Amino acid sequence: MSDDGSWEQWLDCWIQPTAMKTEKQFEVEVKQIEVEVMLPSGRSALIPVSPEFKVQDLKHLAQLVLGQKFLKLLGSDGQLLDPMEPLKLEDGACITAIALSVQIASTKQFFALWCQGGDGVLSWGGCRRGHGISGPSFHEAFRNVQEVATTDRDFAALLADGVLVIWGSYDGDFKVKHQLQDVKRVLAAGRIFVAIHSDGTCTVVNRDLWQLRGAQPQQLCASDEKYALVLADGDVLVWDDAIGSPANRPKELAKSLMSKRVIQLQSTTKAFCVVFSDGEAIAFGDPLAGGDSGSTPLTDVKRLEASDKAFAALYENGTVAAWGHPEFGGDCSAVQHQLKDVQQIQSAGCAFAALLANGNVVTWGDPTFGGDSGHVQVQLQQVQQIYSTYYAFAALLSDRSVVTWGDPAFGGDCTEVQSQLRHVQTISGTVGAFVAICADGLMLSWGNVMFGADSSAAVTFLSCIG
């Protein structure tokens, strides 16, 4: 860091005309060297640095000069440079900078931003229990982040060295709660994480830690009161939301599991639905929350999605069926004739949105919370991806702009940032807010501040990511 603490002022000092430089600035300049930082595209810049700088200092300057955020620096031998190590470069040295893929994850109220293979995770969001709006927190010590999993309340970062770090803010802060070693994969749903260790053992992280013995979990889902696991052999185990409660195979699946394996599991607040390897699907649980599919044919199912109290099945032929509570999207009969060549179904709390092969969108469910997209239907052309909060949807178009609909107070209205939503790379949603990251590193948010819509304080940390 420069003496005055500002990267912009450091560079201004370097490029000032000689007559304007102070004696102190001349002394600093004598100690400086120039390093060439080059992007894979061939674009490069000569950057003045002090030999006392760390690699992270050079990264900050490179991001500023090249106008490219989220960079990782590689030495002449192609090895990644540790941001916290001192610079060991000679004058005129050339290093490579690569742009990392920016990722966003969300709990019900909070967001986390990191880069695939980068260092550090930035988290921020809404209102903590017994506190006001949360300020941002930057976990600088997280090195080489591979993924970030989320439950309703907490985050878990899996690092390249097998360390799993779990933190959250529901109890008032972003402090680390648990740290596990030798983790290969992590599953998350409801309020628990399942850490799968390299030796095949599993640790369940809830309020405490306990071992899940004799299981090889592949998928995890949660209703309000139960958890369900799909195992490596295609079997299914369900248990109550209580530490150490026995896990059992659901009786509704016993016959089918004798000859078939489960390949997908989905849940509403009070029901589950599984898809078998032959495309058959079976729902079980509260009939008013999708636990009884009634006369809905559940064969040749390709994919399942779930709202709070309804399921939607995408068939192999591109058509769709829905069942469960009608006010939560359990009845798609009004738009059934439009549901052809469906590529993706996205659920919100009370509605569904289907993306068709031609780039159009069909919606159903509670009209207030995204089930009616009529007022933006003309804009919903050439849609590439659909995202959701609990109350609203956001569509990313082929030109990388964004269209939203649903409850305006919870993400359904992006008017205030609409003009800036260009070249959007990724979007994520909490219960009531969206965050978008643009190609130039600009981070934009909209929706309800209680659910993370105010990201202004977090923006100051963006240069630290990577």
Protein backbone atom coordinates (compact mmCIF):
# COMPACT_ATOMS: atom_id res chain seq x y z
CA MET A 1 0.00 0.00 0.00
CA SER A 2 1.23 3.49 -0.80
CA ASP A 3 2.12 5.90 2.04
CA ASP A 4 -1.09 7.86 1.61
CA GLY A 5 -3.21 4.69 1.47
CA SER A 6 -4.69 5.28 -2.01
CA TRP A 7 -3.85 3.28 -5.14
CA GLU A 8 -5.08 6.12 -7.36
CA GLN A 9 -2.84 8.63 -5.56
CA TRP A 10 0.10 6.23 -5.80
CA LEU A 11 -0.31 6.13 -9.58
CA ASP A 12 -0.88 9.89 -9.79
CA CYS A 13 2.39 10.42 -7.93
CA TRP A 14 4.18 8.21 -10.46
CA ILE A 15 2.89 10.02 -13.54
CA GLN A 16 3.17 13.60 -12.22
CA PRO A 17 5.37 15.97 -14.24
CA THR A 18 8.90 16.21 -12.78
CA ALA A 19 8.53 19.86 -11.80
CA MET A 20 5.53 19.04 -9.61
CA LYS A 21 7.14 16.20 -7.64
CA THR A 22 8.19 16.71 -4.06
CA GLU A 23 11.50 15.59 -2.61
CA LYS A 24 9.73 12.75 -0.81
CA GLN A 25 8.13 11.59 -4.05
CA PHE A 26 11.56 11.52 -5.75
CA GLU A 27 12.89 9.40 -2.90
CA VAL A 28 9.98 6.96 -3.26
CA GLU A 29 10.38 6.85 -7.05
CA VAL A 30 14.04 5.88 -6.83
CA LYS A 31 13.05 2.75 -4.94
CA GLN A 32 10.34 1.79 -7.43
CA ILE A 33 10.56 -0.79 -10.18
CA GLU A 34 8.29 -1.43 -13.17
CA VAL A 35 6.53 -4.76 -13.67
CA GLU A 36 4.70 -5.71 -16.85
CA VAL A 37 1.34 -7.36 -16.17
CA MET A 38 -0.19 -9.11 -19.18
CA LEU A 39 -3.67 -10.51 -19.74
CA PRO A 40 -4.18 -13.67 -21.86
CA SER A 41 -5.64 -11.41 -24.58
CA GLY A 42 -2.20 -9.81 -24.99
CA ARG A 43 -3.17 -6.49 -23.43
CA SER A 44 -0.59 -5.41 -20.90
CA ALA A 45 0.54 -2.51 -18.72
CA LEU A 46 3.75 -1.39 -17.04
CA ILE A 47 2.96 -0.90 -13.37
CA PRO A 48 5.19 0.96 -10.88
CA VAL A 49 5.66 -0.90 -7.61
CA SER A 50 7.82 -0.72 -4.55
CA PRO A 51 10.06 -3.69 -3.74
CA GLU A 52 8.44 -3.70 -0.30
CA PHE A 53 5.02 -4.41 -1.80
CA LYS A 54 3.21 -7.71 -1.41
CA VAL A 55 1.75 -9.60 -4.36
CA GLN A 56 -1.69 -8.39 -3.28
CA ASP A 57 -0.57 -4.77 -3.68
CA LEU A 58 0.49 -5.42 -7.26
CA LYS A 59 -2.83 -7.15 -7.92
CA HIS A 60 -4.79 -4.11 -6.73
CA LEU A 61 -2.78 -1.82 -9.00
CA ALA A 62 -3.12 -4.18 -11.97
CA GLN A 63 -6.89 -4.27 -11.53
CA LEU A 64 -6.98 -0.48 -11.45
CA VAL A 65 -4.70 0.09 -14.46
CA LEU A 66 -6.12 -2.70 -16.65
CA GLY A 67 -9.73 -1.99 -15.64
CA GLN A 68 -10.26 -5.67 -14.91
CA LYS A 69 -11.44 -6.86 -11.49
CA PHE A 70 -10.98 -10.29 -9.89
CA LEU A 71 -7.44 -10.99 -11.14
CA LYS A 72 -5.06 -13.74 -10.09
CA LEU A 73 -1.33 -13.31 -10.78
CA LEU A 74 0.99 -15.99 -12.18
CA GLY A 75 4.78 -15.93 -12.13
CA SER A 76 7.04 -16.61 -15.11
CA ASP A 77 6.95 -20.33 -14.20
CA GLY A 78 3.15 -20.39 -14.50
CA GLN A 79 2.61 -20.88 -10.77
CA LEU A 80 0.03 -18.83 -8.87
CA LEU A 81 1.52 -16.11 -6.69
CA ASP A 82 0.39 -16.04 -3.05
CA PRO A 83 -1.27 -12.62 -2.48
CA MET A 84 0.19 -12.37 1.02
CA GLU A 85 3.78 -13.09 -0.02
CA PRO A 86 6.25 -10.22 -0.65
CA LEU A 87 7.10 -9.32 -4.24
CA LYS A 88 10.30 -10.99 -5.38
CA LEU A 89 10.51 -9.45 -8.84
CA GLU A 90 13.22 -7.57 -10.67
CA ASP A 91 12.73 -4.37 -12.65
CA GLY A 92 11.12 -5.22 -16.00
CA ALA A 93 9.74 -8.59 -14.89
CA CYS A 94 6.70 -9.86 -16.79
CA ILE A 95 3.87 -11.75 -15.09
CA THR A 96 0.47 -12.99 -16.29
CA ALA A 97 -2.89 -11.97 -14.86
CA ILE A 98 -5.94 -14.16 -15.32
CA ALA A 99 -9.53 -13.10 -14.62
CA LEU A 100 -11.33 -15.46 -12.26
CA SER A 101 -14.96 -16.56 -12.55
CA VAL A 102 -17.10 -14.56 -10.12
CA GLN A 103 -19.66 -16.56 -8.11
CA ILE A 104 -22.51 -15.51 -5.82
CA ALA A 105 -24.30 -17.64 -3.23
CA SER A 106 -27.17 -16.73 -0.95
CA THR A 107 -28.95 -17.81 2.20
CA LYS A 108 -32.43 -16.52 2.96
CA GLN A 109 -31.12 -13.09 3.98
CA PHE A 110 -27.45 -12.86 3.06
CA PHE A 111 -25.13 -12.96 0.05
CA ALA A 112 -21.58 -14.24 -0.40
CA LEU A 113 -19.30 -13.36 -3.31
CA TRP A 114 -16.08 -15.14 -4.24
CA CYS A 115 -14.02 -16.22 -7.24
CA GLN A 116 -13.52 -19.82 -8.32
CA GLY A 117 -9.97 -20.67 -7.23
CA GLY A 118 -9.51 -17.22 -5.70
CA ASP A 119 -8.77 -15.99 -2.20
CA GLY A 120 -11.25 -14.43 0.21
CA VAL A 121 -15.04 -14.44 0.50
CA LEU A 122 -17.16 -11.31 0.89
CA SER A 123 -20.48 -11.69 2.74
CA TRP A 124 -23.18 -9.15 3.49
CA GLY A 125 -26.94 -8.94 3.79
CA GLY A 126 -30.02 -8.03 5.70
CA CYS A 127 -31.11 -7.83 9.30
CA ARG A 128 -29.53 -10.06 11.92
CA ARG A 129 -31.54 -11.35 14.86
CA GLY A 130 -31.59 -8.62 17.52
CA HIS A 131 -29.46 -6.31 15.37
CA GLY A 132 -29.85 -3.82 12.55
CA ILE A 133 -28.79 -4.20 8.95
CA SER A 134 -25.57 -6.22 8.67
CA GLY A 135 -22.39 -4.58 7.47
CA PRO A 136 -20.15 -6.48 5.06
CA SER A 137 -17.58 -8.99 6.25
CA PHE A 138 -14.49 -10.04 4.28
CA HIS A 139 -12.92 -13.38 5.19
CA GLU A 140 -9.44 -12.74 3.87
CA ALA A 141 -7.90 -15.98 5.20
CA PHE A 142 -9.95 -18.26 2.93
CA ARG A 143 -7.40 -19.45 0.34
CA ASN A 144 -8.16 -21.02 -3.06
CA VAL A 145 -11.94 -21.23 -2.63
CA GLN A 146 -13.48 -24.05 -4.66
CA GLU A 147 -17.15 -23.63 -3.82
CA VAL A 148 -19.52 -22.02 -1.32
CA ALA A 149 -22.57 -24.00 -0.18
CA THR A 150 -25.51 -22.47 1.68
CA THR A 151 -28.23 -23.47 4.09
CA ASP A 152 -31.14 -21.21 5.06
CA ARG A 153 -28.85 -19.37 7.48
CA ASP A 154 -25.19 -20.20 6.96
CA PHE A 155 -22.38 -20.41 4.41
CA ALA A 156 -19.69 -23.09 3.99
CA ALA A 157 -16.55 -22.51 1.91
CA LEU A 158 -14.69 -25.58 0.66
CA LEU A 159 -11.02 -24.76 0.11
CA ALA A 160 -8.56 -26.56 -2.17
CA ASP A 161 -6.70 -28.08 0.79
CA GLY A 162 -9.86 -29.86 1.97
CA VAL A 163 -10.74 -27.45 4.76
CA LEU A 164 -14.46 -26.66 5.11
CA VAL A 165 -15.14 -23.36 6.90
CA ILE A 166 -18.70 -22.65 8.07
CA TRP A 167 -19.91 -19.21 9.06
CA GLY A 168 -23.18 -17.29 9.26
CA SER A 169 -24.87 -14.25 10.70
CA TYR A 170 -28.22 -15.37 12.10
CA ASP A 171 -26.92 -15.09 15.66
CA GLY A 172 -25.52 -11.60 15.17
CA ASP A 173 -22.20 -11.81 13.34
CA PHE A 174 -20.24 -13.37 10.49
CA LYS A 175 -17.87 -15.30 12.75
CA VAL A 176 -16.66 -18.78 11.81
CA LYS A 177 -18.73 -21.45 13.61
CA HIS A 178 -17.06 -24.69 12.54
CA GLN A 179 -13.96 -25.77 10.62
CA LEU A 180 -13.64 -29.34 9.33
CA GLN A 181 -10.63 -31.06 7.78
CA ASP A 182 -10.14 -33.43 4.87
CA VAL A 183 -13.49 -32.64 3.20
CA LYS A 184 -14.04 -33.76 -0.39
CA ARG A 185 -17.62 -32.62 -1.01
CA VAL A 186 -20.35 -30.76 0.83
CA LEU A 187 -24.15 -30.95 0.62
CA ALA A 188 -26.51 -28.35 2.08
CA ALA A 189 -30.25 -27.96 2.70
CA GLY A 190 -32.54 -26.49 5.33
CA ARG A 191 -30.32 -25.84 8.33
CA ILE A 192 -27.67 -28.55 7.89
CA PHE A 193 -24.49 -29.26 5.97
CA VAL A 194 -23.28 -32.78 5.23
CA ALA A 195 -19.50 -32.86 4.85
CA ILE A 196 -18.20 -35.90 2.95
CA HIS A 197 -14.61 -36.67 3.89
CA SER A 198 -12.01 -38.24 1.61
CA ASP A 199 -12.13 -41.48 3.63
CA GLY A 200 -15.86 -41.82 2.96
CA THR A 201 -17.09 -40.79 6.40
CA CYS A 202 -19.70 -38.04 6.76
CA THR A 203 -20.18 -35.27 9.30
CA VAL A 204 -23.57 -33.61 9.72
CA VAL A 205 -23.29 -29.98 10.83
CA ASN A 206 -26.40 -28.57 12.49
CA ARG A 207 -26.33 -26.88 15.87
CA ASP A 208 -23.66 -29.43 16.72
CA LEU A 209 -21.61 -32.03 14.83
CA TRP A 210 -22.59 -35.69 14.51
CA GLN A 211 -21.52 -38.59 12.34
CA LEU A 212 -23.74 -40.07 9.63
CA ARG A 213 -22.55 -43.66 9.56
CA GLY A 214 -22.74 -46.20 6.75
CA ALA A 215 -24.01 -43.73 4.14
CA GLN A 216 -22.60 -42.38 0.89
CA PRO A 217 -24.80 -39.30 0.30
CA GLN A 218 -25.23 -37.80 -3.17
CA GLN A 219 -28.16 -35.39 -2.78
CA LEU A 220 -29.78 -33.66 0.21
CA CYS A 221 -33.20 -32.02 0.52
CA ALA A 222 -35.17 -30.51 3.38
CA SER A 223 -38.80 -29.84 4.19
CA ASP A 224 -39.80 -27.82 7.25
CA GLU A 225 -39.47 -30.79 9.60
CA LYS A 226 -37.59 -33.55 7.74
CA TYR A 227 -34.44 -34.22 5.75
CA ALA A 228 -33.94 -36.69 2.92
CA LEU A 229 -30.75 -38.10 1.41
CA VAL A 230 -30.17 -39.89 -1.88
CA LEU A 231 -27.31 -42.37 -1.45
CA ALA A 232 -24.74 -43.53 -3.99
CA ASP A 233 -26.65 -46.78 -4.57
CA GLY A 234 -29.85 -44.85 -5.35
CA ASP A 235 -31.51 -45.57 -2.01
CA VAL A 236 -33.27 -42.83 0.01
CA LEU A 237 -33.16 -42.12 3.75
CA VAL A 238 -35.48 -39.69 5.58
CA TRP A 239 -35.16 -38.44 9.16
CA ASP A 240 -36.78 -35.83 11.42
CA ASP A 241 -35.10 -32.52 12.12
CA ALA A 242 -33.54 -33.69 15.36
CA ILE A 243 -29.95 -34.56 16.16
CA GLY A 244 -29.43 -38.32 16.11
CA SER A 245 -32.99 -39.19 15.04
CA PRO A 246 -33.16 -42.50 13.12
CA ALA A 247 -33.04 -42.42 9.33
CA ASN A 248 -35.48 -44.68 7.51
CA ARG A 249 -36.44 -45.59 3.97
CA PRO A 250 -39.87 -44.05 3.14
CA LYS A 251 -42.52 -46.75 2.91
CA GLU A 252 -43.95 -45.07 -0.20
CA LEU A 253 -40.72 -45.88 -2.06
CA ALA A 254 -40.02 -49.37 -0.72
CA LYS A 255 -41.42 -51.32 -3.68
CA SER A 256 -39.84 -49.16 -6.40
CA LEU A 257 -36.45 -49.12 -4.63
CA MET A 258 -36.27 -52.89 -4.92
CA SER A 259 -35.59 -52.61 -8.66
CA LYS A 260 -34.77 -48.96 -9.38
CA ARG A 261 -32.49 -46.23 -8.11
CA VAL A 262 -33.38 -42.60 -7.36
CA ILE A 263 -31.56 -40.00 -9.49
CA GLN A 264 -33.23 -36.80 -8.26
CA LEU A 265 -34.85 -35.58 -5.06
CA GLN A 266 -36.91 -32.41 -4.54
CA SER A 267 -38.91 -30.98 -1.62
CA THR A 268 -41.59 -28.49 -0.68
CA THR A 269 -42.20 -27.31 2.89
CA LYS A 270 -44.05 -30.52 3.81
CA ALA A 271 -43.50 -33.06 1.02
CA PHE A 272 -40.86 -34.80 -1.08
CA CYS A 273 -40.77 -36.12 -4.63
CA VAL A 274 -38.18 -38.44 -6.21
CA VAL A 275 -37.37 -39.31 -9.81
CA PHE A 276 -36.17 -42.84 -10.57
CA SER A 277 -33.69 -43.90 -13.24
CA ASP A 278 -36.51 -44.98 -15.57
CA GLY A 279 -38.25 -41.58 -15.38
CA GLU A 280 -40.95 -42.59 -12.90
CA ALA A 281 -41.62 -40.08 -10.11
CA ILE A 282 -43.28 -40.61 -6.73
CA ALA A 283 -44.43 -37.87 -4.35
CA PHE A 284 -45.05 -38.39 -0.63
CA GLY A 285 -45.91 -36.21 2.35
CA ASP A 286 -48.64 -33.63 2.97
CA PRO A 287 -51.15 -33.77 0.05
CA LEU A 288 -51.77 -30.01 0.36
CA ALA A 289 -48.06 -29.35 -0.21
CA GLY A 290 -47.53 -31.66 -3.19
CA GLY A 291 -47.33 -34.99 -1.37
CA ASP A 292 -50.11 -36.48 -3.52
CA SER A 293 -49.80 -36.14 -7.31
CA GLY A 294 -53.36 -37.42 -7.82
CA SER A 295 -54.09 -38.14 -11.47
CA THR A 296 -50.95 -36.37 -12.73
CA PRO A 297 -48.97 -38.86 -14.86
CA LEU A 298 -45.47 -39.17 -13.41
CA THR A 299 -43.58 -41.11 -16.06
CA ASP A 300 -40.79 -39.95 -18.40
CA VAL A 301 -39.94 -37.18 -15.93
CA LYS A 302 -36.71 -35.36 -16.78
CA ARG A 303 -36.52 -32.79 -13.99
CA LEU A 304 -38.41 -31.61 -10.90
CA GLU A 305 -38.78 -28.16 -9.39
CA ALA A 306 -40.61 -27.11 -6.23
CA SER A 307 -42.24 -24.00 -4.80
CA ASP A 308 -43.26 -23.82 -1.13
CA LYS A 309 -46.27 -26.12 -1.58
CA ALA A 310 -46.26 -27.42 -5.15
CA PHE A 311 -44.16 -29.43 -7.61
CA ALA A 312 -43.60 -28.97 -11.34
CA ALA A 313 -42.33 -31.85 -13.50
CA LEU A 314 -40.54 -31.32 -16.81
CA TYR A 315 -41.10 -34.30 -19.09
CA GLU A 316 -38.64 -35.69 -21.62
CA ASN A 317 -40.85 -34.38 -24.46
CA GLY A 318 -40.56 -30.77 -23.17
CA THR A 319 -44.06 -30.52 -21.67
CA VAL A 320 -44.85 -29.75 -18.01
CA ALA A 321 -47.23 -30.91 -15.28
CA ALA A 322 -47.81 -29.34 -11.87
CA TRP A 323 -49.56 -30.48 -8.69
CA GLY A 324 -49.95 -29.38 -5.10
CA HIS A 325 -51.52 -26.22 -3.69
CA PRO A 326 -53.01 -24.16 -6.58
CA GLU A 327 -52.08 -20.84 -4.97
CA PHE A 328 -48.43 -21.94 -4.93
CA GLY A 329 -48.25 -23.00 -8.58
CA GLY A 330 -49.84 -26.43 -8.26
CA ASP A 331 -52.19 -25.78 -11.20
CA CYS A 332 -50.76 -24.86 -14.62
CA SER A 333 -53.90 -25.69 -16.63
CA ALA A 334 -54.42 -22.05 -17.69
CA VAL A 335 -51.07 -22.04 -19.54
CA GLN A 336 -50.79 -25.75 -20.32
CA HIS A 337 -51.11 -25.15 -24.08
CA GLN A 338 -48.07 -22.83 -23.97
CA LEU A 339 -45.84 -25.26 -22.08
CA LYS A 340 -44.09 -26.89 -25.02
CA ASP A 341 -40.37 -27.24 -25.74
CA VAL A 342 -39.60 -26.20 -22.16
CA GLN A 343 -35.86 -26.02 -21.39
CA GLN A 344 -35.85 -24.81 -17.78
CA ILE A 345 -38.29 -24.38 -14.90
CA GLN A 346 -37.47 -21.90 -12.13
CA SER A 347 -39.47 -21.77 -8.91
CA ALA A 348 -40.20 -18.93 -6.52
CA GLY A 349 -42.08 -19.33 -3.25
CA CYS A 350 -45.55 -19.26 -4.79
CA ALA A 351 -45.03 -19.45 -8.56
CA PHE A 352 -43.12 -21.05 -11.44
CA ALA A 353 -41.53 -19.68 -14.61
CA ALA A 354 -40.74 -21.89 -17.62
CA LEU A 355 -38.15 -20.98 -20.24
CA LEU A 356 -39.01 -22.23 -23.73
CA ALA A 357 -36.61 -23.24 -26.49
CA ASN A 358 -37.51 -20.09 -28.46
CA GLY A 359 -36.42 -17.86 -25.54
CA ASN A 360 -39.93 -16.97 -24.38
CA VAL A 361 -41.20 -17.38 -20.80
CA VAL A 362 -44.44 -18.85 -19.43
CA THR A 363 -45.47 -18.24 -15.81
CA TRP A 364 -48.14 -19.55 -13.43
CA GLY A 365 -49.00 -19.44 -9.72
CA ASP A 366 -49.71 -16.50 -7.44
CA PRO A 367 -49.88 -13.47 -9.80
CA THR A 368 -48.61 -11.04 -7.15
CA PHE A 369 -45.46 -13.05 -6.55
CA GLY A 370 -44.35 -13.76 -10.12
CA GLY A 371 -47.12 -15.99 -11.45
CA ASP A 372 -48.22 -13.28 -13.90
CA SER A 373 -45.57 -11.84 -16.23
CA GLY A 374 -48.05 -10.20 -18.59
CA HIS A 375 -46.82 -6.62 -18.09
CA VAL A 376 -43.27 -7.56 -19.16
CA GLN A 377 -44.11 -10.29 -21.67
CA VAL A 378 -43.03 -8.14 -24.64
CA GLN A 379 -39.59 -7.73 -23.03
CA LEU A 380 -39.24 -11.44 -22.29
CA GLN A 381 -37.63 -12.35 -25.60
CA GLN A 382 -34.40 -14.28 -26.12
CA VAL A 383 -34.19 -15.18 -22.44
CA GLN A 384 -31.17 -17.30 -21.51
CA GLN A 385 -31.64 -17.91 -17.78
CA ILE A 386 -34.23 -17.27 -15.06
CA TYR A 387 -33.47 -16.52 -11.40
CA SER A 388 -35.77 -15.96 -8.42
CA THR A 389 -36.29 -14.62 -4.93
CA TYR A 390 -39.21 -15.96 -2.89
CA TYR A 391 -41.49 -13.25 -4.32
CA ALA A 392 -40.13 -12.37 -7.78
CA PHE A 393 -38.24 -13.47 -10.89
CA ALA A 394 -35.37 -12.00 -12.92
CA ALA A 395 -34.65 -13.03 -16.52
CA LEU A 396 -31.20 -12.66 -18.07
CA LEU A 397 -31.51 -11.94 -21.81
CA SER A 398 -29.11 -12.85 -24.61
CA ASP A 399 -27.85 -9.25 -24.74
CA ARG A 400 -26.97 -9.64 -21.00
CA SER A 401 -29.66 -7.19 -19.85
CA VAL A 402 -32.24 -8.06 -17.17
CA VAL A 403 -36.06 -8.07 -16.93
CA THR A 404 -37.85 -8.52 -13.59
CA TRP A 405 -41.42 -9.15 -12.45
CA GLY A 406 -43.26 -10.11 -9.25
CA ASP A 407 -43.57 -8.21 -6.00
CA PRO A 408 -41.74 -4.89 -6.62
CA ALA A 409 -40.70 -4.61 -2.96
CA PHE A 410 -38.89 -7.96 -3.02
CA GLY A 411 -36.95 -7.94 -6.30
CA GLY A 412 -39.72 -7.57 -8.86
CA ASP A 413 -38.74 -4.01 -9.81
CA CYS A 414 -35.18 -3.17 -10.91
CA THR A 415 -36.06 0.28 -12.29
CA GLU A 416 -33.51 2.11 -10.13
CA VAL A 417 -30.58 0.13 -11.58
CA GLN A 418 -32.09 -0.86 -14.95
CA SER A 419 -29.85 1.44 -16.98
CA GLN A 420 -26.74 -0.07 -15.37
CA LEU A 421 -27.79 -3.70 -15.83
CA ARG A 422 -25.66 -4.30 -18.91
CA HIS A 423 -23.22 -7.12 -19.67
CA VAL A 424 -24.56 -9.01 -16.63
CA GLN A 425 -22.62 -12.20 -15.92
CA THR A 426 -24.50 -13.76 -13.02
CA ILE A 427 -27.46 -13.11 -10.68
CA SER A 428 -28.39 -14.49 -7.27
CA GLY A 429 -31.39 -13.99 -5.01
CA THR A 430 -32.22 -14.18 -1.32
CA VAL A 431 -35.83 -14.27 -0.10
CA GLY A 432 -36.39 -10.65 -1.10
CA ALA A 433 -33.45 -9.19 -3.04
CA PHE A 434 -31.30 -9.74 -6.13
CA VAL A 435 -27.61 -9.06 -6.75
CA ALA A 436 -26.08 -8.95 -10.24
CA ILE A 437 -22.41 -8.90 -11.24
CA CYS A 438 -21.53 -7.24 -14.56
CA ALA A 439 -18.57 -8.00 -16.83
CA ASP A 440 -16.67 -4.91 -15.65
CA GLY A 441 -16.98 -6.00 -12.01
CA LEU A 442 -19.87 -3.65 -11.22
CA MET A 443 -22.13 -5.08 -8.51
CA LEU A 444 -25.78 -4.01 -8.49
CA SER A 445 -28.58 -4.91 -6.10
CA TRP A 446 -32.30 -4.26 -5.80
CA GLY A 447 -35.24 -5.40 -3.68
CA ASN A 448 -35.70 -5.24 0.09
CA VAL A 449 -32.78 -4.02 2.23
CA MET A 450 -33.80 -6.45 4.98
CA PHE A 451 -32.75 -9.23 2.61
CA GLY A 452 -29.48 -7.80 1.28
CA ALA A 453 -30.58 -5.26 -1.33
CA ASP A 454 -28.15 -2.63 -0.06
CA SER A 455 -24.73 -3.76 -1.28
CA SER A 456 -23.16 -0.27 -1.31
CA ALA A 457 -20.87 -0.96 1.66
CA ALA A 458 -19.84 -4.34 0.24
CA VAL A 459 -18.69 -2.75 -3.03
CA THR A 460 -15.62 -1.29 -1.29
CA PHE A 461 -14.35 -4.84 -0.69
CA LEU A 462 -14.59 -6.00 -4.32
CA SER A 463 -10.97 -5.18 -5.12
CA CYS A 464 -9.90 -7.62 -2.37
CA ILE A 465 -11.64 -10.60 -3.99
CA GLY A 466 -9.43 -13.02 -5.90
